[in-house]
Amino acid sequence: MSEPSIHSPAAAAAPAAPRTRPLADFPALAQRAVDLLLIQRALVRLDEADARGIVQYLREVAYPPGATVLRAGDQANFMLLLLEGEVAVHPQGDDASGDPVAVLGPGSVLGEMSLFDGSPRSATCVALSTVRAAGLARKGLERLVVEQPAVAARLMAGLAQQMAERLRAAGDQVMIYAQLNDELRERVQRLSQETGAF
């Protein structure tokens, strides 16, 4: 069954979508995807048969160094499992010229929120090296749900757990920033009282 192309904008205007092929056409990469799915802490619900089943729905995609893998604000309907290489993650609104908030490598999952809800991308990811990834388009996920519903449920539960962990971590960071802001405000008040400024 033919899978639609996984589109990903590159840094240049109106780039052609990268060509994709079934990941199963690349036995070494397919095995790498199985291995990474099995060691993913958030996807521990998968056994080897599940991981091999999922690989049948994945598409191989590659990006050269410097290419935009995902762009904040873009509408998209696929996620990527990084198999080789690294990407820099820049927050929404960042033109990707500043410092990244994270660097992700093999085993990292990108774009899963957009796969589930079709919302615009929340970050820009730029390839730091040659990147090879396994893409799962919404159509592939829909086929997985129909053809292997128990495997699809375990995959989606694992991805949901991973998103929840990221959300908790973001909440923790917000609390740390709030505490730092409070401490800074107190220091400024003390300084202004000591110096008579303000």
C-alpha atoms as a PDB file:
ATOM      1  CA  MET A   1       0.000   0.000   0.000  1.00  0.00           C
ATOM      2  CA  SER A   2       1.461   3.386  -0.953  1.00  0.00           C
ATOM      3  CA  GLU A   3       2.006   5.870   1.869  1.00  0.00           C
ATOM      4  CA  PRO A   4       1.739   9.621   1.192  1.00  0.00           C
ATOM      5  CA  SER A   5       4.972  11.591   1.329  1.00  0.00           C
ATOM      6  CA  ILE A   6       6.089  13.008   4.637  1.00  0.00           C
ATOM      7  CA  HIS A   7       6.573  16.690   3.942  1.00  0.00           C
ATOM      8  CA  SER A   8       9.157  18.725   5.780  1.00  0.00           C
ATOM      9  CA  PRO A   9      10.156  22.266   4.931  1.00  0.00           C
ATOM     10  CA  ALA A  10      13.837  23.027   4.542  1.00  0.00           C
ATOM     11  CA  ALA A  11      15.318  26.436   5.220  1.00  0.00           C
ATOM     12  CA  ALA A  12      14.889  27.565   1.595  1.00  0.00           C
ATOM     13  CA  ALA A  13      11.574  28.822   0.278  1.00  0.00           C
ATOM     14  CA  ALA A  14       9.170  26.207  -1.095  1.00  0.00           C
ATOM     15  CA  PRO A  15      11.531  23.231  -0.957  1.00  0.00           C
ATOM     16  CA  ALA A  16      10.584  19.922  -2.464  1.00  0.00           C
ATOM     17  CA  ALA A  17       9.456  17.364   0.079  1.00  0.00           C
ATOM     18  CA  PRO A  18      12.124  14.783   0.825  1.00  0.00           C
ATOM     19  CA  ARG A  19      11.622  11.483  -0.928  1.00  0.00           C
ATOM     20  CA  THR A  20      10.583   8.721   1.387  1.00  0.00           C
ATOM     21  CA  ARG A  21      10.579   4.966   1.109  1.00  0.00           C
ATOM     22  CA  PRO A  22       9.242   2.314   3.424  1.00  0.00           C
ATOM     23  CA  LEU A  23      11.661   1.887   6.306  1.00  0.00           C
ATOM     24  CA  ALA A  24      11.454  -1.871   5.766  1.00  0.00           C
ATOM     25  CA  ASP A  25      13.399  -1.299   2.497  1.00  0.00           C
ATOM     26  CA  PHE A  26      16.411  -0.465   4.704  1.00  0.00           C
ATOM     27  CA  PRO A  27      16.943  -3.541   6.925  1.00  0.00           C
ATOM     28  CA  ALA A  28      19.704  -1.987   9.048  1.00  0.00           C
ATOM     29  CA  LEU A  29      17.649   1.182   9.682  1.00  0.00           C
ATOM     30  CA  ALA A  30      14.521  -0.889  10.335  1.00  0.00           C
ATOM     31  CA  GLN A  31      16.430  -2.882  12.976  1.00  0.00           C
ATOM     32  CA  ARG A  32      17.752   0.390  14.444  1.00  0.00           C
ATOM     33  CA  ALA A  33      14.161   1.645  14.729  1.00  0.00           C
ATOM     34  CA  VAL A  34      13.111  -1.589  16.468  1.00  0.00           C
ATOM     35  CA  ASP A  35      16.025  -1.275  18.901  1.00  0.00           C
ATOM     36  CA  LEU A  36      15.270   2.381  19.638  1.00  0.00           C
ATOM     37  CA  LEU A  37      11.554   1.708  20.137  1.00  0.00           C
ATOM     38  CA  LEU A  38      12.443  -1.016  22.642  1.00  0.00           C
ATOM     39  CA  ILE A  39      14.878   1.117  24.664  1.00  0.00           C
ATOM     40  CA  GLN A  40      12.696   4.213  24.706  1.00  0.00           C
ATOM     41  CA  ARG A  41      11.873   4.728  28.373  1.00  0.00           C
ATOM     42  CA  ALA A  42       8.452   6.166  27.512  1.00  0.00           C
ATOM     43  CA  LEU A  43       7.624   3.331  25.148  1.00  0.00           C
ATOM     44  CA  VAL A  44       8.399   0.403  27.475  1.00  0.00           C
ATOM     45  CA  ARG A  45       4.974  -1.055  26.790  1.00  0.00           C
ATOM     46  CA  LEU A  46       6.227  -2.306  23.427  1.00  0.00           C
ATOM     47  CA  ASP A  47       7.714  -5.742  22.952  1.00  0.00           C
ATOM     48  CA  GLU A  48       9.840  -6.760  19.971  1.00  0.00           C
ATOM     49  CA  ALA A  49       6.856  -8.004  17.952  1.00  0.00           C
ATOM     50  CA  ASP A  50       5.094  -4.653  18.547  1.00  0.00           C
ATOM     51  CA  ALA A  51       8.171  -2.697  17.476  1.00  0.00           C
ATOM     52  CA  ARG A  52       8.575  -4.804  14.319  1.00  0.00           C
ATOM     53  CA  GLY A  53       4.902  -4.281  13.549  1.00  0.00           C
ATOM     54  CA  ILE A  54       5.211  -0.506  13.908  1.00  0.00           C
ATOM     55  CA  VAL A  55       8.254  -0.422  11.601  1.00  0.00           C
ATOM     56  CA  GLN A  56       6.012  -1.663   8.766  1.00  0.00           C
ATOM     57  CA  TYR A  57       4.163   1.695   8.915  1.00  0.00           C
ATOM     58  CA  LEU A  58       7.252   3.915   9.065  1.00  0.00           C
ATOM     59  CA  ARG A  59       8.910   5.786   6.188  1.00  0.00           C
ATOM     60  CA  GLU A  60      12.623   6.546   5.879  1.00  0.00           C
ATOM     61  CA  VAL A  61      13.461  10.229   5.479  1.00  0.00           C
ATOM     62  CA  ALA A  62      16.829  12.029   5.443  1.00  0.00           C
ATOM     63  CA  TYR A  63      17.931  15.622   5.984  1.00  0.00           C
ATOM     64  CA  PRO A  64      21.325  17.173   5.240  1.00  0.00           C
ATOM     65  CA  PRO A  65      23.167  19.256   7.855  1.00  0.00           C
ATOM     66  CA  GLY A  66      21.538  22.671   8.246  1.00  0.00           C
ATOM     67  CA  ALA A  67      18.141  21.572   6.894  1.00  0.00           C
ATOM     68  CA  THR A  68      15.010  22.523   8.781  1.00  0.00           C
ATOM     69  CA  VAL A  69      13.485  19.238   9.873  1.00  0.00           C
ATOM     70  CA  LEU A  70      10.392  20.785  11.511  1.00  0.00           C
ATOM     71  CA  ARG A  71       9.382  24.447  11.491  1.00  0.00           C
ATOM     72  CA  ALA A  72       7.425  26.148  14.285  1.00  0.00           C
ATOM     73  CA  GLY A  73       3.971  27.171  13.121  1.00  0.00           C
ATOM     74  CA  ASP A  74       3.809  24.726  10.205  1.00  0.00           C
ATOM     75  CA  GLN A  75       0.758  22.508   9.902  1.00  0.00           C
ATOM     76  CA  ALA A  76       1.835  18.894   9.713  1.00  0.00           C
ATOM     77  CA  ASN A  77       0.553  15.384  10.144  1.00  0.00           C
ATOM     78  CA  PHE A  78       3.615  13.284  10.911  1.00  0.00           C
ATOM     79  CA  MET A  79       6.137  12.543  13.630  1.00  0.00           C
ATOM     80  CA  LEU A  80       9.747  11.424  13.399  1.00  0.00           C
ATOM     81  CA  LEU A  81      11.837   8.920  15.334  1.00  0.00           C
ATOM     82  CA  LEU A  82      15.469  10.008  14.979  1.00  0.00           C
ATOM     83  CA  LEU A  83      17.632   7.080  13.895  1.00  0.00           C
ATOM     84  CA  GLU A  84      20.913   8.833  13.081  1.00  0.00           C
ATOM     85  CA  GLY A  85      22.265  12.345  13.586  1.00  0.00           C
ATOM     86  CA  GLU A  86      21.293  15.229  15.831  1.00  0.00           C
ATOM     87  CA  VAL A  87      18.861  18.136  15.659  1.00  0.00           C
ATOM     88  CA  ALA A  88      18.837  21.452  17.511  1.00  0.00           C
ATOM     89  CA  VAL A  89      15.450  22.433  18.952  1.00  0.00           C
ATOM     90  CA  HIS A  90      14.517  26.122  18.906  1.00  0.00           C
ATOM     91  CA  PRO A  91      11.375  27.437  20.630  1.00  0.00           C
ATOM     92  CA  GLN A  92       8.468  28.866  18.687  1.00  0.00           C
ATOM     93  CA  GLY A  93       9.188  32.397  17.580  1.00  0.00           C
ATOM     94  CA  ASP A  94      12.943  31.736  17.445  1.00  0.00           C
ATOM     95  CA  ASP A  95      14.306  32.049  13.924  1.00  0.00           C
ATOM     96  CA  ALA A  96      16.697  29.174  14.726  1.00  0.00           C
ATOM     97  CA  SER A  97      19.659  31.554  14.779  1.00  0.00           C
ATOM     98  CA  GLY A  98      19.856  31.667  18.574  1.00  0.00           C
ATOM     99  CA  ASP A  99      20.927  29.044  21.047  1.00  0.00           C
ATOM    100  CA  PRO A 100      18.806  25.897  20.968  1.00  0.00           C
ATOM    101  CA  VAL A 101      16.839  24.837  24.032  1.00  0.00           C
ATOM    102  CA  ALA A 102      17.855  21.213  23.406  1.00  0.00           C
ATOM    103  CA  VAL A 103      19.891  18.986  21.140  1.00  0.00           C
ATOM    104  CA  LEU A 104      18.255  15.643  20.394  1.00  0.00           C
ATOM    105  CA  GLY A 105      19.749  12.502  18.937  1.00  0.00           C
ATOM    106  CA  PRO A 106      18.872   8.914  18.070  1.00  0.00           C
ATOM    107  CA  GLY A 107      15.813   7.602  19.887  1.00  0.00           C
ATOM    108  CA  SER A 108      14.203  11.029  20.220  1.00  0.00           C
ATOM    109  CA  VAL A 109      10.675  11.518  18.938  1.00  0.00           C
ATOM    110  CA  LEU A 110       9.745  14.796  17.230  1.00  0.00           C
ATOM    111  CA  GLY A 111       6.373  16.137  16.141  1.00  0.00           C
ATOM    112  CA  GLU A 112       4.099  13.712  17.947  1.00  0.00           C
ATOM    113  CA  MET A 113       1.706  16.434  19.144  1.00  0.00           C
ATOM    114  CA  SER A 114       0.972  17.496  15.568  1.00  0.00           C
ATOM    115  CA  LEU A 115       0.448  13.863  14.590  1.00  0.00           C
ATOM    116  CA  PHE A 116      -2.286  13.529  17.200  1.00  0.00           C
ATOM    117  CA  ASP A 117      -4.112  16.833  16.933  1.00  0.00           C
ATOM    118  CA  GLY A 118      -2.973  18.433  13.666  1.00  0.00           C
ATOM    119  CA  SER A 119      -1.923  21.580  15.529  1.00  0.00           C
ATOM    120  CA  PRO A 120       0.915  23.744  14.222  1.00  0.00           C
ATOM    121  CA  ARG A 121       4.443  22.742  15.182  1.00  0.00           C
ATOM    122  CA  SER A 122       5.550  24.237  18.511  1.00  0.00           C
ATOM    123  CA  ALA A 123       9.294  24.319  17.777  1.00  0.00           C
ATOM    124  CA  THR A 124      11.779  24.475  14.935  1.00  0.00           C
ATOM    125  CA  CYS A 125      14.244  21.601  14.633  1.00  0.00           C
ATOM    126  CA  VAL A 126      17.379  22.001  12.511  1.00  0.00           C
ATOM    127  CA  ALA A 127      19.695  19.148  11.490  1.00  0.00           C
ATOM    128  CA  LEU A 128      23.147  19.583  13.060  1.00  0.00           C
ATOM    129  CA  SER A 129      24.474  16.645  11.054  1.00  0.00           C
ATOM    130  CA  THR A 130      23.067  14.315   8.443  1.00  0.00           C
ATOM    131  CA  VAL A 131      19.818  13.044   9.943  1.00  0.00           C
ATOM    132  CA  ARG A 132      18.006   9.855   9.065  1.00  0.00           C
ATOM    133  CA  ALA A 133      14.651   9.353  10.661  1.00  0.00           C
ATOM    134  CA  ALA A 134      11.641   7.086  10.602  1.00  0.00           C
ATOM    135  CA  GLY A 135       8.474   9.038   9.878  1.00  0.00           C
ATOM    136  CA  LEU A 136       4.956   8.054  10.842  1.00  0.00           C
ATOM    137  CA  ALA A 137       2.265   9.975   8.967  1.00  0.00           C
ATOM    138  CA  ARG A 138      -1.295  10.243  10.236  1.00  0.00           C
ATOM    139  CA  LYS A 139      -2.435   7.908   7.422  1.00  0.00           C
ATOM    140  CA  GLY A 140       0.111   5.326   8.613  1.00  0.00           C
ATOM    141  CA  LEU A 141      -1.137   5.686  12.189  1.00  0.00           C
ATOM    142  CA  GLU A 142      -4.731   5.281  10.988  1.00  0.00           C
ATOM    143  CA  ARG A 143      -3.747   2.075   9.158  1.00  0.00           C
ATOM    144  CA  LEU A 144      -1.954   0.830  12.280  1.00  0.00           C
ATOM    145  CA  VAL A 145      -5.087   1.494  14.365  1.00  0.00           C
ATOM    146  CA  VAL A 146      -7.253  -0.519  11.951  1.00  0.00           C
ATOM    147  CA  GLU A 147      -4.803  -3.343  11.268  1.00  0.00           C
ATOM    148  CA  GLN A 148      -3.113  -3.688  14.688  1.00  0.00           C
ATOM    149  CA  PRO A 149      -5.271  -1.836  17.228  1.00  0.00           C
ATOM    150  CA  ALA A 150      -3.574  -3.251  20.350  1.00  0.00           C
ATOM    151  CA  VAL A 151      -0.113  -2.227  19.087  1.00  0.00           C
ATOM    152  CA  ALA A 152      -1.434   1.211  18.087  1.00  0.00           C
ATOM    153  CA  ALA A 153      -2.937   1.653  21.556  1.00  0.00           C
ATOM    154  CA  ARG A 154       0.374   0.796  23.239  1.00  0.00           C
ATOM    155  CA  LEU A 155       2.272   3.154  20.923  1.00  0.00           C
ATOM    156  CA  MET A 156      -0.163   6.017  21.550  1.00  0.00           C
ATOM    157  CA  ALA A 157      -0.123   5.398  25.313  1.00  0.00           C
ATOM    158  CA  GLY A 158       3.679   5.528  25.294  1.00  0.00           C
ATOM    159  CA  LEU A 159       3.709   8.733  23.260  1.00  0.00           C
ATOM    160  CA  ALA A 160       1.083  10.274  25.545  1.00  0.00           C
ATOM    161  CA  GLN A 161       3.224   9.370  28.567  1.00  0.00           C
ATOM    162  CA  GLN A 162       6.256  10.977  26.907  1.00  0.00           C
ATOM    163  CA  MET A 163       4.281  14.174  26.203  1.00  0.00           C
ATOM    164  CA  ALA A 164       3.034  14.243  29.801  1.00  0.00           C
ATOM    165  CA  GLU A 165       6.616  13.937  31.077  1.00  0.00           C
ATOM    166  CA  ARG A 166       7.680  16.858  28.869  1.00  0.00           C
ATOM    167  CA  LEU A 167       4.738  18.928  30.097  1.00  0.00           C
ATOM    168  CA  ARG A 168       5.652  18.185  33.726  1.00  0.00           C
ATOM    169  CA  ALA A 169       9.267  19.170  33.037  1.00  0.00           C
ATOM    170  CA  ALA A 170       8.100  22.418  31.430  1.00  0.00           C
ATOM    171  CA  GLY A 171       5.911  23.102  34.484  1.00  0.00           C
ATOM    172  CA  ASP A 172       8.894  22.502  36.755  1.00  0.00           C
ATOM    173  CA  GLN A 173      10.948  24.973  34.697  1.00  0.00           C
ATOM    174  CA  VAL A 174       8.201  27.593  34.984  1.00  0.00           C
ATOM    175  CA  MET A 175       8.235  27.161  38.771  1.00  0.00           C
ATOM    176  CA  ILE A 176      12.024  27.572  38.865  1.00  0.00           C
ATOM    177  CA  TYR A 177      11.801  30.729  36.741  1.00  0.00           C
ATOM    178  CA  ALA A 178       9.076  32.099  39.034  1.00  0.00           C
ATOM    179  CA  GLN A 179      11.255  31.428  42.101  1.00  0.00           C
ATOM    180  CA  LEU A 180      14.249  33.102  40.444  1.00  0.00           C
ATOM    181  CA  ASN A 181      12.059  36.070  39.506  1.00  0.00           C
ATOM    182  CA  ASP A 182      10.858  36.392  43.120  1.00  0.00           C
ATOM    183  CA  GLU A 183      14.430  36.220  44.436  1.00  0.00           C
ATOM    184  CA  LEU A 184      15.584  38.813  41.921  1.00  0.00           C
ATOM    185  CA  ARG A 185      12.710  41.144  42.845  1.00  0.00           C
ATOM    186  CA  GLU A 186      13.589  40.807  46.567  1.00  0.00           C
ATOM    187  CA  ARG A 187      17.246  41.602  45.858  1.00  0.00           C
ATOM    188  CA  VAL A 188      16.321  44.651  43.793  1.00  0.00           C
ATOM    189  CA  GLN A 189      14.046  45.873  46.604  1.00  0.00           C
ATOM    190  CA  ARG A 190      16.820  45.380  49.193  1.00  0.00           C
ATOM    191  CA  LEU A 191      19.327  47.152  46.983  1.00  0.00           C
ATOM    192  CA  SER A 192      17.000  50.049  46.381  1.00  0.00           C
ATOM    193  CA  GLN A 193      16.332  50.357  50.139  1.00  0.00           C
ATOM    194  CA  GLU A 194      20.061  50.205  50.927  1.00  0.00           C
ATOM    195  CA  THR A 195      21.025  52.774  48.310  1.00  0.00           C
ATOM    196  CA  GLY A 196      17.912  54.915  48.523  1.00  0.00           C
ATOM    197  CA  ALA A 197      17.283  54.475  44.817  1.00  0.00           C
ATOM    198  CA  PHE A 198      13.831  54.162  43.266  1.00  0.00           C
END
